Amino acid sequence: MIRVGIGGWNYPPWRGTFYPKGLAQAKELEFASRALTGIEINATYHRLQKRDSFRKWADTAPDGFQFSVKAWQFATAKKNLAEGAPLMEKFLNSGFTALGSKLGPILWQFAPTRKFEAENFEAFFSLLPAELEGVRLRHALEVRHESFLVPEFVALACKHNAAIVLADSAKYPLIADATADFVYMRLQRTEERVATGYTSRALKQWAERAQTYESGDMPADLPSLSKGPAAKTKTKSAAAKAVKANRDLFVYFISGAKVRAPAAAQAMMELVAS
């Protein structure tokens, strides 16, 4: 399934543009979760939330809807990532499993200054549980330094069935290799002058790419670190395993001209449904 959404739901400029005029703020999640198929919760990045809040959000959203949860910022801040284990555990036990079947992937975002160090990230991956309180966990990593543009990182992510976030960004590198049984996209180039954030041509292109990923393949027009003479054999083998089966897709319109994110998401939803 391809789920398409936005980051958060309480954003004043969406009132009167995305949300109907006069809609009570307390009703915004109810509206957004019926207009879209996914939301990335960003509040969890800044501070730990309460289990009751997650339970309330799950009760508000309809069946089939999923929330991705952005990991607490302090959980990925230690220079030696393994030293952050107590903070990771604190985040992991914060209650987001109360979302139940409406829990999408956990997004682990790293600072733009964080460089790839194989041993450091191997230790981090080893701390990621596949299940918690009877709820399956899926993990996505957003890395934002050029040093991650190497086949070794792709192989490591494949080994642990973790998705490398595909970021369409003017600031950060794009890693398009599928490394898990799902793909996580963060599309960050919305423009306010374009009513749908991205042009219709660009949206169609991203929708076609999403459908290609969903089918278990990889878009031919995106670069792959697991192909070519620089890639090691084990990297190729791991990547090959990651592209055999159909995948879930999570596509979020984040950053850029945020006011256009809901329109971009709704336009994308129409394209992937056709």
C-alpha atoms as a PDB file:
ATOM      1  CA  MET A   1       0.000   0.000   0.000  1.00  0.00           C
ATOM      2  CA  ILE A   2       1.115   3.557  -0.685  1.00  0.00           C
ATOM      3  CA  ARG A   3       0.285   5.886   2.186  1.00  0.00           C
ATOM      4  CA  VAL A   4       0.649   9.601   1.554  1.00  0.00           C
ATOM      5  CA  GLY A   5       0.608  12.369   4.122  1.00  0.00           C
ATOM      6  CA  ILE A   6       2.137  15.329   5.894  1.00  0.00           C
ATOM      7  CA  GLY A   7       4.159  16.154   8.992  1.00  0.00           C
ATOM      8  CA  GLY A   8       1.973  16.917  12.004  1.00  0.00           C
ATOM      9  CA  TRP A   9      -1.527  18.332  11.823  1.00  0.00           C
ATOM     10  CA  ASN A  10      -1.581  21.502  13.964  1.00  0.00           C
ATOM     11  CA  TYR A  11      -0.306  24.205  11.615  1.00  0.00           C
ATOM     12  CA  PRO A  12      -2.137  27.572  11.604  1.00  0.00           C
ATOM     13  CA  PRO A  13      -1.616  28.360   7.861  1.00  0.00           C
ATOM     14  CA  TRP A  14      -3.576  25.178   7.024  1.00  0.00           C
ATOM     15  CA  ARG A  15      -6.670  26.694   8.629  1.00  0.00           C
ATOM     16  CA  GLY A  16      -8.782  27.965   5.787  1.00  0.00           C
ATOM     17  CA  THR A  17      -6.522  26.392   3.152  1.00  0.00           C
ATOM     18  CA  PHE A  18      -6.594  22.695   4.059  1.00  0.00           C
ATOM     19  CA  TYR A  19      -8.941  22.766   7.030  1.00  0.00           C
ATOM     20  CA  PRO A  20     -12.396  24.270   6.456  1.00  0.00           C
ATOM     21  CA  LYS A  21     -12.873  27.712   7.941  1.00  0.00           C
ATOM     22  CA  GLY A  22     -14.332  27.482  11.400  1.00  0.00           C
ATOM     23  CA  LEU A  23     -13.231  23.899  12.031  1.00  0.00           C
ATOM     24  CA  ALA A  24     -12.414  23.486  15.718  1.00  0.00           C
ATOM     25  CA  GLN A  25      -8.718  22.838  16.362  1.00  0.00           C
ATOM     26  CA  ALA A  26      -9.671  19.741  18.332  1.00  0.00           C
ATOM     27  CA  LYS A  27     -11.210  18.320  15.142  1.00  0.00           C
ATOM     28  CA  GLU A  28      -8.158  18.831  12.917  1.00  0.00           C
ATOM     29  CA  LEU A  29      -6.702  15.353  13.345  1.00  0.00           C
ATOM     30  CA  GLU A  30     -10.095  13.813  12.644  1.00  0.00           C
ATOM     31  CA  PHE A  31     -10.291  15.805   9.404  1.00  0.00           C
ATOM     32  CA  ALA A  32      -6.668  15.241   8.335  1.00  0.00           C
ATOM     33  CA  SER A  33      -6.764  11.501   8.979  1.00  0.00           C
ATOM     34  CA  ARG A  34      -9.728  11.173   6.622  1.00  0.00           C
ATOM     35  CA  ALA A  35      -8.332  13.443   3.917  1.00  0.00           C
ATOM     36  CA  LEU A  36      -4.939  11.665   3.916  1.00  0.00           C
ATOM     37  CA  THR A  37      -3.657   8.160   4.598  1.00  0.00           C
ATOM     38  CA  GLY A  38      -0.673   8.932   6.838  1.00  0.00           C
ATOM     39  CA  ILE A  39       0.851  11.505   9.163  1.00  0.00           C
ATOM     40  CA  GLU A  40       4.391  11.763  10.462  1.00  0.00           C
ATOM     41  CA  ILE A  41       4.236  12.779  14.130  1.00  0.00           C
ATOM     42  CA  ASN A  42       6.955  15.376  14.656  1.00  0.00           C
ATOM     43  CA  ALA A  43       6.085  16.352  18.231  1.00  0.00           C
ATOM     44  CA  THR A  44       7.814  13.183  19.443  1.00  0.00           C
ATOM     45  CA  TYR A  45      11.123  14.527  18.112  1.00  0.00           C
ATOM     46  CA  HIS A  46      11.057  17.507  20.479  1.00  0.00           C
ATOM     47  CA  ARG A  47       9.686  15.844  23.614  1.00  0.00           C
ATOM     48  CA  LEU A  48       8.354  12.506  24.785  1.00  0.00           C
ATOM     49  CA  GLN A  49       4.599  12.150  24.505  1.00  0.00           C
ATOM     50  CA  LYS A  50       2.201  10.367  26.820  1.00  0.00           C
ATOM     51  CA  ARG A  51       0.760   6.916  26.130  1.00  0.00           C
ATOM     52  CA  ASP A  52      -2.741   8.349  26.555  1.00  0.00           C
ATOM     53  CA  SER A  53      -2.052  10.826  23.749  1.00  0.00           C
ATOM     54  CA  PHE A  54      -1.064   8.043  21.353  1.00  0.00           C
ATOM     55  CA  ARG A  55      -4.156   6.082  22.353  1.00  0.00           C
ATOM     56  CA  LYS A  56      -6.358   9.123  21.730  1.00  0.00           C
ATOM     57  CA  TRP A  57      -4.800   9.733  18.303  1.00  0.00           C
ATOM     58  CA  ALA A  58      -5.311   6.095  17.357  1.00  0.00           C
ATOM     59  CA  ASP A  59      -8.958   6.263  18.394  1.00  0.00           C
ATOM     60  CA  THR A  60      -9.449   9.425  16.318  1.00  0.00           C
ATOM     61  CA  ALA A  61      -7.971   8.080  13.064  1.00  0.00           C
ATOM     62  CA  PRO A  62      -9.919   5.644  10.870  1.00  0.00           C
ATOM     63  CA  ASP A  63      -8.974   2.021  10.204  1.00  0.00           C
ATOM     64  CA  GLY A  64      -6.159   1.698   7.689  1.00  0.00           C
ATOM     65  CA  PHE A  65      -4.579   5.018   8.600  1.00  0.00           C
ATOM     66  CA  GLN A  66      -1.031   4.968   9.997  1.00  0.00           C
ATOM     67  CA  PHE A  67       1.159   7.347  11.953  1.00  0.00           C
ATOM     68  CA  SER A  68       4.922   7.392  11.531  1.00  0.00           C
ATOM     69  CA  VAL A  69       6.707   8.452  14.708  1.00  0.00           C
ATOM     70  CA  LYS A  70       9.785  10.654  14.609  1.00  0.00           C
ATOM     71  CA  ALA A  71      12.229   9.473  17.260  1.00  0.00           C
ATOM     72  CA  TRP A  72      13.243  11.694  20.156  1.00  0.00           C
ATOM     73  CA  GLN A  73      16.151  13.905  19.046  1.00  0.00           C
ATOM     74  CA  PHE A  74      18.370  12.973  22.000  1.00  0.00           C
ATOM     75  CA  ALA A  75      18.249   9.272  21.062  1.00  0.00           C
ATOM     76  CA  THR A  76      20.550   9.880  18.081  1.00  0.00           C
ATOM     77  CA  ALA A  77      22.687  12.690  19.504  1.00  0.00           C
ATOM     78  CA  LYS A  78      25.566  10.790  21.147  1.00  0.00           C
ATOM     79  CA  LYS A  79      28.841  10.710  19.214  1.00  0.00           C
ATOM     80  CA  ASN A  80      29.081   7.027  20.077  1.00  0.00           C
ATOM     81  CA  LEU A  81      25.565   5.936  19.139  1.00  0.00           C
ATOM     82  CA  ALA A  82      25.588   2.902  21.421  1.00  0.00           C
ATOM     83  CA  GLU A  83      25.991   5.255  24.391  1.00  0.00           C
ATOM     84  CA  GLY A  84      22.548   6.587  23.566  1.00  0.00           C
ATOM     85  CA  ALA A  85      20.943   3.243  24.416  1.00  0.00           C
ATOM     86  CA  PRO A  86      19.311   4.502  27.668  1.00  0.00           C
ATOM     87  CA  LEU A  87      17.777   7.450  25.798  1.00  0.00           C
ATOM     88  CA  MET A  88      16.631   5.190  22.976  1.00  0.00           C
ATOM     89  CA  GLU A  89      15.042   2.891  25.531  1.00  0.00           C
ATOM     90  CA  LYS A  90      13.288   5.843  27.156  1.00  0.00           C
ATOM     91  CA  PHE A  91      11.834   6.840  23.792  1.00  0.00           C
ATOM     92  CA  LEU A  92      10.925   3.276  22.855  1.00  0.00           C
ATOM     93  CA  ASN A  93       9.035   2.885  26.127  1.00  0.00           C
ATOM     94  CA  SER A  94       7.214   6.218  25.826  1.00  0.00           C
ATOM     95  CA  GLY A  95       3.958   4.562  24.770  1.00  0.00           C
ATOM     96  CA  PHE A  96       3.717   4.918  21.001  1.00  0.00           C
ATOM     97  CA  THR A  97       2.863   1.211  20.780  1.00  0.00           C
ATOM     98  CA  ALA A  98      -0.608   2.303  21.939  1.00  0.00           C
ATOM     99  CA  LEU A  99      -1.127   3.222  18.271  1.00  0.00           C
ATOM    100  CA  GLY A 100      -1.356  -0.535  17.627  1.00  0.00           C
ATOM    101  CA  SER A 101      -2.165  -1.351  13.995  1.00  0.00           C
ATOM    102  CA  LYS A 102      -2.046   2.374  13.210  1.00  0.00           C
ATOM    103  CA  LEU A 103       1.676   2.560  13.966  1.00  0.00           C
ATOM    104  CA  GLY A 104       3.795   3.110  10.882  1.00  0.00           C
ATOM    105  CA  PRO A 105       7.615   3.253  10.798  1.00  0.00           C
ATOM    106  CA  ILE A 106       9.825   4.907  13.408  1.00  0.00           C
ATOM    107  CA  LEU A 107      11.894   7.670  11.814  1.00  0.00           C
ATOM    108  CA  TRP A 108      15.402   8.068  13.231  1.00  0.00           C
ATOM    109  CA  GLN A 109      16.819  11.378  11.999  1.00  0.00           C
ATOM    110  CA  PHE A 110      20.528  12.176  12.231  1.00  0.00           C
ATOM    111  CA  ALA A 111      22.190  15.580  12.291  1.00  0.00           C
ATOM    112  CA  PRO A 112      23.622  16.846   8.981  1.00  0.00           C
ATOM    113  CA  THR A 113      27.078  16.752  10.602  1.00  0.00           C
ATOM    114  CA  ARG A 114      26.827  13.027  11.445  1.00  0.00           C
ATOM    115  CA  LYS A 115      29.214  11.052   9.244  1.00  0.00           C
ATOM    116  CA  PHE A 116      29.019   7.396   8.308  1.00  0.00           C
ATOM    117  CA  GLU A 117      31.099   5.112  10.508  1.00  0.00           C
ATOM    118  CA  ALA A 118      30.339   1.456   9.885  1.00  0.00           C
ATOM    119  CA  GLU A 119      30.991   0.192  13.417  1.00  0.00           C
ATOM    120  CA  ASN A 120      29.066   3.052  14.992  1.00  0.00           C
ATOM    121  CA  PHE A 121      25.997   2.372  12.864  1.00  0.00           C
ATOM    122  CA  GLU A 122      26.252  -1.393  13.236  1.00  0.00           C
ATOM    123  CA  ALA A 123      26.008  -0.807  16.992  1.00  0.00           C
ATOM    124  CA  PHE A 124      23.003   1.490  16.471  1.00  0.00           C
ATOM    125  CA  PHE A 125      21.163  -1.006  14.270  1.00  0.00           C
ATOM    126  CA  SER A 126      21.693  -3.705  16.884  1.00  0.00           C
ATOM    127  CA  LEU A 127      19.694  -1.612  19.367  1.00  0.00           C
ATOM    128  CA  LEU A 128      16.568  -1.430  17.184  1.00  0.00           C
ATOM    129  CA  PRO A 129      13.914  -3.953  18.265  1.00  0.00           C
ATOM    130  CA  ALA A 130      11.771  -5.695  15.663  1.00  0.00           C
ATOM    131  CA  GLU A 131       8.838  -5.869  18.079  1.00  0.00           C
ATOM    132  CA  LEU A 132       7.735  -4.082  21.223  1.00  0.00           C
ATOM    133  CA  GLU A 133       4.784  -4.932  23.460  1.00  0.00           C
ATOM    134  CA  GLY A 134       3.478  -7.259  20.763  1.00  0.00           C
ATOM    135  CA  VAL A 135       3.566  -4.533  18.095  1.00  0.00           C
ATOM    136  CA  ARG A 136       5.798  -4.891  15.043  1.00  0.00           C
ATOM    137  CA  LEU A 137       8.330  -2.082  14.635  1.00  0.00           C
ATOM    138  CA  ARG A 138       9.756  -0.845  11.345  1.00  0.00           C
ATOM    139  CA  HIS A 139      12.697   1.528  11.311  1.00  0.00           C
ATOM    140  CA  ALA A 140      13.715   4.231   8.831  1.00  0.00           C
ATOM    141  CA  LEU A 141      16.940   6.253   9.026  1.00  0.00           C
ATOM    142  CA  GLU A 142      17.283   9.758   7.622  1.00  0.00           C
ATOM    143  CA  VAL A 143      20.987  10.466   7.159  1.00  0.00           C
ATOM    144  CA  ARG A 144      22.068  13.825   5.824  1.00  0.00           C
ATOM    145  CA  HIS A 145      25.814  13.725   5.187  1.00  0.00           C
ATOM    146  CA  GLU A 146      27.569  12.916   1.910  1.00  0.00           C
ATOM    147  CA  SER A 147      29.688  10.230   3.612  1.00  0.00           C
ATOM    148  CA  PHE A 148      26.648   7.899   3.588  1.00  0.00           C
ATOM    149  CA  LEU A 149      26.739   7.707  -0.216  1.00  0.00           C
ATOM    150  CA  VAL A 150      28.607   4.400  -0.142  1.00  0.00           C
ATOM    151  CA  PRO A 151      27.549   0.794  -0.877  1.00  0.00           C
ATOM    152  CA  GLU A 152      28.613  -0.279   2.629  1.00  0.00           C
ATOM    153  CA  PHE A 153      25.834   1.767   4.231  1.00  0.00           C
ATOM    154  CA  VAL A 154      23.256   0.300   1.855  1.00  0.00           C
ATOM    155  CA  ALA A 155      24.447  -3.222   2.714  1.00  0.00           C
ATOM    156  CA  LEU A 156      24.252  -2.491   6.444  1.00  0.00           C
ATOM    157  CA  ALA A 157      20.689  -1.175   6.174  1.00  0.00           C
ATOM    158  CA  CYS A 158      19.691  -4.212   4.084  1.00  0.00           C
ATOM    159  CA  LYS A 159      21.167  -6.531   6.686  1.00  0.00           C
ATOM    160  CA  HIS A 160      18.899  -5.057   9.342  1.00  0.00           C
ATOM    161  CA  ASN A 161      15.804  -4.560   7.136  1.00  0.00           C
ATOM    162  CA  ALA A 162      15.886  -0.833   7.846  1.00  0.00           C
ATOM    163  CA  ALA A 163      14.813   1.714   5.255  1.00  0.00           C
ATOM    164  CA  ILE A 164      17.112   4.546   4.247  1.00  0.00           C
ATOM    165  CA  VAL A 165      14.913   7.610   3.871  1.00  0.00           C
ATOM    166  CA  LEU A 166      14.709   8.873   0.312  1.00  0.00           C
ATOM    167  CA  ALA A 167      14.887  12.635   0.758  1.00  0.00           C
ATOM    168  CA  ASP A 168      14.039  14.906  -2.152  1.00  0.00           C
ATOM    169  CA  SER A 169      15.913  17.906  -0.802  1.00  0.00           C
ATOM    170  CA  ALA A 170      18.019  20.802  -2.021  1.00  0.00           C
ATOM    171  CA  LYS A 171      20.242  20.463   1.068  1.00  0.00           C
ATOM    172  CA  TYR A 172      20.820  16.772   1.636  1.00  0.00           C
ATOM    173  CA  PRO A 173      21.911  13.761  -0.460  1.00  0.00           C
ATOM    174  CA  LEU A 174      19.412  11.447  -2.086  1.00  0.00           C
ATOM    175  CA  ILE A 175      19.823   7.720  -1.436  1.00  0.00           C
ATOM    176  CA  ALA A 176      17.317   5.824  -3.535  1.00  0.00           C
ATOM    177  CA  ASP A 177      18.261   2.197  -2.795  1.00  0.00           C
ATOM    178  CA  ALA A 178      15.447   0.088  -1.334  1.00  0.00           C
ATOM    179  CA  THR A 179      16.884  -1.630   1.742  1.00  0.00           C
ATOM    180  CA  ALA A 180      13.793  -2.928   3.554  1.00  0.00           C
ATOM    181  CA  ASP A 181      10.319  -4.338   2.988  1.00  0.00           C
ATOM    182  CA  PHE A 182       9.021  -0.761   2.904  1.00  0.00           C
ATOM    183  CA  VAL A 183      10.168   2.559   1.435  1.00  0.00           C
ATOM    184  CA  TYR A 184      10.060   5.892   3.243  1.00  0.00           C
ATOM    185  CA  MET A 185      10.059   9.117   1.206  1.00  0.00           C
ATOM    186  CA  ARG A 186      10.292  12.681   2.516  1.00  0.00           C
ATOM    187  CA  LEU A 187       9.591  15.091  -0.341  1.00  0.00           C
ATOM    188  CA  GLN A 188      10.900  18.504   0.676  1.00  0.00           C
ATOM    189  CA  ARG A 189      10.705  20.769  -2.364  1.00  0.00           C
ATOM    190  CA  THR A 190       7.155  22.129  -2.200  1.00  0.00           C
ATOM    191  CA  GLU A 191       6.849  25.658  -3.579  1.00  0.00           C
ATOM    192  CA  GLU A 192       4.250  28.176  -2.446  1.00  0.00           C
ATOM    193  CA  ARG A 193       3.779  29.549  -5.973  1.00  0.00           C
ATOM    194  CA  VAL A 194       2.565  26.082  -7.096  1.00  0.00           C
ATOM    195  CA  ALA A 195      -0.942  25.311  -5.867  1.00  0.00           C
ATOM    196  CA  THR A 196      -0.101  21.632  -5.387  1.00  0.00           C
ATOM    197  CA  GLY A 197       3.382  22.273  -3.989  1.00  0.00           C
ATOM    198  CA  TYR A 198       5.064  20.239  -6.718  1.00  0.00           C
ATOM    199  CA  THR A 199       4.210  20.729 -10.387  1.00  0.00           C
ATOM    200  CA  SER A 200       1.863  18.190 -11.942  1.00  0.00           C
ATOM    201  CA  ARG A 201       4.782  16.801 -13.942  1.00  0.00           C
ATOM    202  CA  ALA A 202       6.926  16.342 -10.825  1.00  0.00           C
ATOM    203  CA  LEU A 203       4.050  14.779  -8.881  1.00  0.00           C
ATOM    204  CA  LYS A 204       3.398  12.334 -11.696  1.00  0.00           C
ATOM    205  CA  GLN A 205       7.073  11.398 -11.745  1.00  0.00           C
ATOM    206  CA  TRP A 206       7.149  10.778  -7.986  1.00  0.00           C
ATOM    207  CA  ALA A 207       3.890   8.837  -8.129  1.00  0.00           C
ATOM    208  CA  GLU A 208       5.318   6.571 -10.836  1.00  0.00           C
ATOM    209  CA  ARG A 209       8.455   6.042  -8.762  1.00  0.00           C
ATOM    210  CA  ALA A 210       6.344   5.175  -5.719  1.00  0.00           C
ATOM    211  CA  GLN A 211       4.368   2.628  -7.729  1.00  0.00           C
ATOM    212  CA  THR A 212       7.606   1.093  -9.029  1.00  0.00           C
ATOM    213  CA  TYR A 213       8.945   0.722  -5.489  1.00  0.00           C
ATOM    214  CA  GLU A 214       5.627  -0.751  -4.346  1.00  0.00           C
ATOM    215  CA  SER A 215       5.818  -3.414  -7.049  1.00  0.00           C
ATOM    216  CA  GLY A 216       9.183  -4.572  -5.678  1.00  0.00           C
ATOM    217  CA  ASP A 217      11.368  -2.915  -8.289  1.00  0.00           C
ATOM    218  CA  MET A 218      13.491   0.231  -8.264  1.00  0.00           C
ATOM    219  CA  PRO A 219      12.929   3.320 -10.458  1.00  0.00           C
ATOM    220  CA  ALA A 220      15.354   3.320 -13.373  1.00  0.00           C
ATOM    221  CA  ASP A 221      15.732   7.106 -13.278  1.00  0.00           C
ATOM    222  CA  LEU A 222      17.137   7.220  -9.727  1.00  0.00           C
ATOM    223  CA  PRO A 223      20.786   6.459  -8.848  1.00  0.00           C
ATOM    224  CA  SER A 224      21.675   3.258  -7.012  1.00  0.00           C
ATOM    225  CA  LEU A 225      24.636   2.784  -4.696  1.00  0.00           C
ATOM    226  CA  SER A 226      24.262  -0.995  -4.867  1.00  0.00           C
ATOM    227  CA  LYS A 227      25.046  -1.114  -8.591  1.00  0.00           C
ATOM    228  CA  GLY A 228      28.192  -0.426 -10.569  1.00  0.00           C
ATOM    229  CA  PRO A 229      31.884  -1.234 -10.079  1.00  0.00           C
ATOM    230  CA  ALA A 230      32.100   0.499  -6.687  1.00  0.00           C
ATOM    231  CA  ALA A 231      29.560  -1.844  -5.100  1.00  0.00           C
ATOM    232  CA  LYS A 232      30.761  -4.954  -3.322  1.00  0.00           C
ATOM    233  CA  THR A 233      29.207  -8.321  -4.134  1.00  0.00           C
ATOM    234  CA  LYS A 234      27.632  -8.660  -0.695  1.00  0.00           C
ATOM    235  CA  THR A 235      26.067  -5.226  -1.145  1.00  0.00           C
ATOM    236  CA  LYS A 236      24.510  -6.299  -4.423  1.00  0.00           C
ATOM    237  CA  SER A 237      23.179  -9.507  -2.884  1.00  0.00           C
ATOM    238  CA  ALA A 238      21.610  -7.697   0.077  1.00  0.00           C
ATOM    239  CA  ALA A 239      20.026  -5.099  -2.157  1.00  0.00           C
ATOM    240  CA  ALA A 240      18.711  -7.791  -4.490  1.00  0.00           C
ATOM    241  CA  LYS A 241      16.904  -9.469  -1.597  1.00  0.00           C
ATOM    242  CA  ALA A 242      15.277  -6.139  -0.709  1.00  0.00           C
ATOM    243  CA  VAL A 243      13.646  -5.763  -4.138  1.00  0.00           C
ATOM    244  CA  LYS A 244      11.999  -9.152  -4.619  1.00  0.00           C
ATOM    245  CA  ALA A 245       8.681  -8.603  -2.860  1.00  0.00           C
ATOM    246  CA  ASN A 246       6.004  -5.931  -2.921  1.00  0.00           C
ATOM    247  CA  ARG A 247       6.551  -3.134  -0.442  1.00  0.00           C
ATOM    248  CA  ASP A 248       4.585  -0.648   1.614  1.00  0.00           C
ATOM    249  CA  LEU A 249       5.300   2.980   0.767  1.00  0.00           C
ATOM    250  CA  PHE A 250       5.211   5.957   3.111  1.00  0.00           C
ATOM    251  CA  VAL A 251       5.360   9.297   1.304  1.00  0.00           C
ATOM    252  CA  TYR A 252       5.401  12.529   3.275  1.00  0.00           C
ATOM    253  CA  PHE A 253       5.491  16.103   2.042  1.00  0.00           C
ATOM    254  CA  ILE A 254       7.741  17.774   4.591  1.00  0.00           C
ATOM    255  CA  SER A 255       9.504  21.146   4.799  1.00  0.00           C
ATOM    256  CA  GLY A 256       9.656  23.382   1.733  1.00  0.00           C
ATOM    257  CA  ALA A 257       6.531  25.526   1.515  1.00  0.00           C
ATOM    258  CA  LYS A 258       4.674  23.689   4.264  1.00  0.00           C
ATOM    259  CA  VAL A 259       1.396  25.451   3.519  1.00  0.00           C
ATOM    260  CA  ARG A 260       1.229  23.474   0.260  1.00  0.00           C
ATOM    261  CA  ALA A 261       1.982  20.072   1.803  1.00  0.00           C
ATOM    262  CA  PRO A 262      -1.651  18.900   2.181  1.00  0.00           C
ATOM    263  CA  ALA A 263      -2.491  19.845  -1.415  1.00  0.00           C
ATOM    264  CA  ALA A 264       0.613  18.028  -2.648  1.00  0.00           C
ATOM    265  CA  ALA A 265      -0.301  14.935  -0.638  1.00  0.00           C
ATOM    266  CA  GLN A 266      -3.885  14.886  -1.888  1.00  0.00           C
ATOM    267  CA  ALA A 267      -2.747  15.305  -5.500  1.00  0.00           C
ATOM    268  CA  MET A 268      -0.274  12.434  -5.036  1.00  0.00           C
ATOM    269  CA  MET A 269      -2.985  10.247  -3.534  1.00  0.00           C
ATOM    270  CA  GLU A 270      -5.099  10.668  -6.648  1.00  0.00           C
ATOM    271  CA  LEU A 271      -2.178   9.722  -8.889  1.00  0.00           C
ATOM    272  CA  VAL A 272      -1.165   6.567  -7.030  1.00  0.00           C
ATOM    273  CA  ALA A 273      -4.786   5.447  -6.875  1.00  0.00           C
ATOM    274  CA  SER A 274      -5.219   5.702 -10.644  1.00  0.00           C
END
